[in-house]
Amino acid sequence: MHLENAEYEINIKAKVGEVSTEADSAGATGQMKVLNKKTKAETTIEFEGGSAC
């Protein structure tokens, strides 16, 4: 996924992992890169999480 405004550019790469149909949930891992367009500084964030309905 790519998000952008006048100041920042964000790229998110995520992979859905383990899915539980009994709990109606899914886990996910990924990486988010944030670029400050003005300074060209880039930050990388590794994440792990999930969702449930």
PDB file of N, CA and C in Angstrom:
ATOM      1  N   MET A   1       0.846  -1.152   0.000  1.00  0.00           N
ATOM      2  CA  MET A   1       0.000   0.000   0.000  1.00  0.00           C
ATOM      3  C   MET A   1       0.905   1.233   0.000  1.00  0.00           C
ATOM      4  N   HIS A   2       0.496   2.224  -0.719  1.00  0.00           N
ATOM      5  CA  HIS A   2       1.261   3.469  -0.825  1.00  0.00           C
ATOM      6  C   HIS A   2       0.365   4.636  -0.427  1.00  0.00           C
ATOM      7  N   LEU A   3       0.840   5.436   0.539  1.00  0.00           N
ATOM      8  CA  LEU A   3       0.124   6.639   0.977  1.00  0.00           C
ATOM      9  C   LEU A   3       1.056   7.823   0.820  1.00  0.00           C
ATOM     10  N   GLU A   4       0.506   8.960   0.451  1.00  0.00           N
ATOM     11  CA  GLU A   4       1.363  10.121   0.203  1.00  0.00           C
ATOM     12  C   GLU A   4       0.584  11.420   0.419  1.00  0.00           C
ATOM     13  N   ASN A   5       1.285  12.410   0.990  1.00  0.00           N
ATOM     14  CA  ASN A   5       0.754  13.767   1.032  1.00  0.00           C
ATOM     15  C   ASN A   5       1.900  14.716   0.691  1.00  0.00           C
ATOM     16  N   ALA A   6       1.739  15.995   0.919  1.00  0.00           N
ATOM     17  CA  ALA A   6       2.762  16.964   0.530  1.00  0.00           C
ATOM     18  C   ALA A   6       4.067  16.793   1.304  1.00  0.00           C
ATOM     19  N   GLU A   7       3.999  16.263   2.530  1.00  0.00           N
ATOM     20  CA  GLU A   7       5.178  16.162   3.378  1.00  0.00           C
ATOM     21  C   GLU A   7       5.780  14.772   3.479  1.00  0.00           C
ATOM     22  N   TYR A   8       4.945  13.723   3.403  1.00  0.00           N
ATOM     23  CA  TYR A   8       5.428  12.365   3.653  1.00  0.00           C
ATOM     24  C   TYR A   8       4.988  11.388   2.570  1.00  0.00           C
ATOM     25  N   GLU A   9       5.785  10.335   2.434  1.00  0.00           N
ATOM     26  CA  GLU A   9       5.461   9.211   1.563  1.00  0.00           C
ATOM     27  C   GLU A   9       5.606   7.951   2.413  1.00  0.00           C
ATOM     28  N   ILE A  10       4.563   7.112   2.428  1.00  0.00           N
ATOM     29  CA  ILE A  10       4.560   5.915   3.268  1.00  0.00           C
ATOM     30  C   ILE A  10       4.288   4.697   2.392  1.00  0.00           C
ATOM     31  N   ASN A  11       5.150   3.685   2.537  1.00  0.00           N
ATOM     32  CA  ASN A  11       4.964   2.415   1.844  1.00  0.00           C
ATOM     33  C   ASN A  11       4.811   1.322   2.888  1.00  0.00           C
ATOM     34  N   ILE A  12       3.742   0.537   2.767  1.00  0.00           N
ATOM     35  CA  ILE A  12       3.457  -0.532   3.716  1.00  0.00           C
ATOM     36  C   ILE A  12       3.436  -1.855   2.965  1.00  0.00           C
ATOM     37  N   LYS A  13       4.237  -2.809   3.462  1.00  0.00           N
ATOM     38  CA  LYS A  13       4.224  -4.176   2.935  1.00  0.00           C
ATOM     39  C   LYS A  13       3.816  -5.081   4.087  1.00  0.00           C
ATOM     40  N   ALA A  14       2.750  -5.851   3.906  1.00  0.00           N
ATOM     41  CA  ALA A  14       2.254  -6.719   4.969  1.00  0.00           C
ATOM     42  C   ALA A  14       1.944  -8.100   4.413  1.00  0.00           C
ATOM     43  N   LYS A  15       2.090  -9.093   5.277  1.00  0.00           N
ATOM     44  CA  LYS A  15       1.800 -10.477   4.902  1.00  0.00           C
ATOM     45  C   LYS A  15       0.865 -11.064   5.953  1.00  0.00           C
ATOM     46  N   VAL A  16      -0.268 -11.582   5.498  1.00  0.00           N
ATOM     47  CA  VAL A  16      -1.205 -12.230   6.414  1.00  0.00           C
ATOM     48  C   VAL A  16      -0.635 -13.596   6.760  1.00  0.00           C
ATOM     49  N   GLY A  17      -0.606 -13.879   8.058  1.00  0.00           N
ATOM     50  CA  GLY A  17      -0.049 -15.144   8.530  1.00  0.00           C
ATOM     51  C   GLY A  17      -1.132 -16.106   8.932  1.00  0.00           C
ATOM     52  N   GLU A  18      -1.077 -16.544  10.173  1.00  0.00           N
ATOM     53  CA  GLU A  18      -1.990 -17.541  10.700  1.00  0.00           C
ATOM     54  C   GLU A  18      -3.420 -17.007  10.760  1.00  0.00           C
ATOM     55  N   VAL A  19      -4.359 -17.809  10.267  1.00  0.00           N
ATOM     56  CA  VAL A  19      -5.775 -17.444  10.261  1.00  0.00           C
ATOM     57  C   VAL A  19      -6.533 -18.450  11.117  1.00  0.00           C
ATOM     58  N   SER A  20      -7.379 -17.957  11.990  1.00  0.00           N
ATOM     59  CA  SER A  20      -8.203 -18.819  12.841  1.00  0.00           C
ATOM     60  C   SER A  20      -9.666 -18.583  12.496  1.00  0.00           C
ATOM     61  N   THR A  21     -10.300 -19.555  11.856  1.00  0.00           N
ATOM     62  CA  THR A  21     -11.718 -19.400  11.515  1.00  0.00           C
ATOM     63  C   THR A  21     -12.589 -19.507  12.766  1.00  0.00           C
ATOM     64  N   GLU A  22     -12.130 -20.282  13.777  1.00  0.00           N
ATOM     65  CA  GLU A  22     -12.890 -20.420  15.016  1.00  0.00           C
ATOM     66  C   GLU A  22     -12.977 -19.079  15.747  1.00  0.00           C
ATOM     67  N   ALA A  23     -11.862 -18.346  15.791  1.00  0.00           N
ATOM     68  CA  ALA A  23     -11.829 -17.053  16.486  1.00  0.00           C
ATOM     69  C   ALA A  23     -12.126 -15.897  15.544  1.00  0.00           C
ATOM     70  N   ASP A  24     -12.299 -16.195  14.259  1.00  0.00           N
ATOM     71  CA  ASP A  24     -12.559 -15.170  13.250  1.00  0.00           C
ATOM     72  C   ASP A  24     -11.483 -14.074  13.303  1.00  0.00           C
ATOM     73  N   SER A  25     -10.213 -14.519  13.266  1.00  0.00           N
ATOM     74  CA  SER A  25      -9.099 -13.577  13.375  1.00  0.00           C
ATOM     75  C   SER A  25      -7.960 -13.977  12.450  1.00  0.00           C
ATOM     76  N   ALA A  26      -7.038 -13.040  12.243  1.00  0.00           N
ATOM     77  CA  ALA A  26      -5.866 -13.294  11.408  1.00  0.00           C
ATOM     78  C   ALA A  26      -4.685 -12.491  11.951  1.00  0.00           C
ATOM     79  N   GLY A  27      -3.500 -13.085  11.857  1.00  0.00           N
ATOM     80  CA  GLY A  27      -2.281 -12.389  12.251  1.00  0.00           C
ATOM     81  C   GLY A  27      -1.617 -11.794  11.020  1.00  0.00           C
ATOM     82  N   ALA A  28      -0.750 -10.815  11.233  1.00  0.00           N
ATOM     83  CA  ALA A  28      -0.046 -10.194  10.114  1.00  0.00           C
ATOM     84  C   ALA A  28       1.306  -9.676  10.585  1.00  0.00           C
ATOM     85  N   THR A  29       2.267  -9.653   9.669  1.00  0.00           N
ATOM     86  CA  THR A  29       3.580  -9.060   9.917  1.00  0.00           C
ATOM     87  C   THR A  29       3.924  -8.194   8.723  1.00  0.00           C
ATOM     88  N   GLY A  30       4.820  -7.251   8.925  1.00  0.00           N
ATOM     89  CA  GLY A  30       5.179  -6.422   7.794  1.00  0.00           C
ATOM     90  C   GLY A  30       6.167  -5.336   8.118  1.00  0.00           C
ATOM     91  N   GLN A  31       6.301  -4.447   7.157  1.00  0.00           N
ATOM     92  CA  GLN A  31       7.256  -3.355   7.250  1.00  0.00           C
ATOM     93  C   GLN A  31       6.619  -2.087   6.704  1.00  0.00           C
ATOM     94  N   MET A  32       6.866  -0.977   7.398  1.00  0.00           N
ATOM     95  CA  MET A  32       6.374   0.311   6.961  1.00  0.00           C
ATOM     96  C   MET A  32       7.571   1.254   6.822  1.00  0.00           C
ATOM     97  N   LYS A  33       7.699   1.886   5.659  1.00  0.00           N
ATOM     98  CA  LYS A  33       8.763   2.861   5.427  1.00  0.00           C
ATOM     99  C   LYS A  33       8.144   4.236   5.272  1.00  0.00           C
ATOM    100  N   VAL A  34       8.661   5.183   6.053  1.00  0.00           N
ATOM    101  CA  VAL A  34       8.156   6.556   6.041  1.00  0.00           C
ATOM    102  C   VAL A  34       9.273   7.465   5.561  1.00  0.00           C
ATOM    103  N   LEU A  35       9.007   8.220   4.503  1.00  0.00           N
ATOM    104  CA  LEU A  35       9.978   9.147   3.932  1.00  0.00           C
ATOM    105  C   LEU A  35       9.501  10.578   4.124  1.00  0.00           C
ATOM    106  N   ASN A  36      10.351  11.399   4.739  1.00  0.00           N
ATOM    107  CA  ASN A  36      10.086  12.828   4.845  1.00  0.00           C
ATOM    108  C   ASN A  36      10.594  13.440   3.543  1.00  0.00           C
ATOM    109  N   LYS A  37       9.697  13.949   2.727  1.00  0.00           N
ATOM    110  CA  LYS A  37      10.074  14.458   1.406  1.00  0.00           C
ATOM    111  C   LYS A  37      11.028  15.646   1.483  1.00  0.00           C
ATOM    112  N   LYS A  38      10.868  16.496   2.489  1.00  0.00           N
ATOM    113  CA  LYS A  38      11.689  17.708   2.600  1.00  0.00           C
ATOM    114  C   LYS A  38      13.131  17.375   2.985  1.00  0.00           C
ATOM    115  N   THR A  39      13.306  16.525   3.993  1.00  0.00           N
ATOM    116  CA  THR A  39      14.648  16.219   4.499  1.00  0.00           C
ATOM    117  C   THR A  39      15.245  14.956   3.884  1.00  0.00           C
ATOM    118  N   LYS A  40      14.421  14.156   3.210  1.00  0.00           N
ATOM    119  CA  LYS A  40      14.811  12.870   2.629  1.00  0.00           C
ATOM    120  C   LYS A  40      15.168  11.824   3.693  1.00  0.00           C
ATOM    121  N   ALA A  41      14.803  12.100   4.948  1.00  0.00           N
ATOM    122  CA  ALA A  41      15.029  11.143   6.034  1.00  0.00           C
ATOM    123  C   ALA A  41      14.014  10.014   5.918  1.00  0.00           C
ATOM    124  N   GLU A  42      14.492   8.767   6.072  1.00  0.00           N
ATOM    125  CA  GLU A  42      13.613   7.609   5.964  1.00  0.00           C
ATOM    126  C   GLU A  42      13.675   6.798   7.254  1.00  0.00           C
ATOM    127  N   THR A  43      12.508   6.376   7.725  1.00  0.00           N
ATOM    128  CA  THR A  43      12.397   5.538   8.915  1.00  0.00           C
ATOM    129  C   THR A  43      11.708   4.247   8.517  1.00  0.00           C
ATOM    130  N   THR A  44      12.236   3.120   9.005  1.00  0.00           N
ATOM    131  CA  THR A  44      11.643   1.818   8.731  1.00  0.00           C
ATOM    132  C   THR A  44      11.113   1.248  10.044  1.00  0.00           C
ATOM    133  N   ILE A  45       9.860   0.775  10.002  1.00  0.00           N
ATOM    134  CA  ILE A  45       9.206   0.208  11.191  1.00  0.00           C
ATOM    135  C   ILE A  45       8.765  -1.214  10.854  1.00  0.00           C
ATOM    136  N   GLU A  46       9.259  -2.186  11.625  1.00  0.00           N
ATOM    137  CA  GLU A  46       8.800  -3.571  11.499  1.00  0.00           C
ATOM    138  C   GLU A  46       7.608  -3.714  12.433  1.00  0.00           C
ATOM    139  N   PHE A  47       6.541  -4.392  11.978  1.00  0.00           N
ATOM    140  CA  PHE A  47       5.376  -4.555  12.848  1.00  0.00           C
ATOM    141  C   PHE A  47       4.834  -5.963  12.802  1.00  0.00           C
ATOM    142  N   GLU A  48       4.115  -6.305  13.868  1.00  0.00           N
ATOM    143  CA  GLU A  48       3.438  -7.595  13.980  1.00  0.00           C
ATOM    144  C   GLU A  48       2.130  -7.322  14.684  1.00  0.00           C
ATOM    145  N   GLY A  49       1.068  -7.856  14.180  1.00  0.00           N
ATOM    146  CA  GLY A  49      -0.231  -7.614  14.786  1.00  0.00           C
ATOM    147  C   GLY A  49      -1.283  -8.538  14.211  1.00  0.00           C
ATOM    148  N   GLY A  50      -2.505  -8.143  14.330  1.00  0.00           N
ATOM    149  CA  GLY A  50      -3.575  -8.963  13.816  1.00  0.00           C
ATOM    150  C   GLY A  50      -4.902  -8.238  13.883  1.00  0.00           C
ATOM    151  N   SER A  51      -5.925  -8.958  13.485  1.00  0.00           N
ATOM    152  CA  SER A  51      -7.261  -8.381  13.525  1.00  0.00           C
ATOM    153  C   SER A  51      -8.259  -9.457  13.902  1.00  0.00           C
ATOM    154  N   ALA A  52      -9.344  -9.033  14.462  1.00  0.00           N
ATOM    155  CA  ALA A  52     -10.421  -9.944  14.837  1.00  0.00           C
ATOM    156  C   ALA A  52     -11.750  -9.281  14.520  1.00  0.00           C
ATOM    157  N   CYS A  53     -12.717 -10.099  14.145  1.00  0.00           N
ATOM    158  CA  CYS A  53     -14.048  -9.551  13.840  1.00  0.00           C
ATOM    159  C   CYS A  53     -15.007  -9.870  14.944  1.00  0.00           C
TER     160      CYS A  53
END
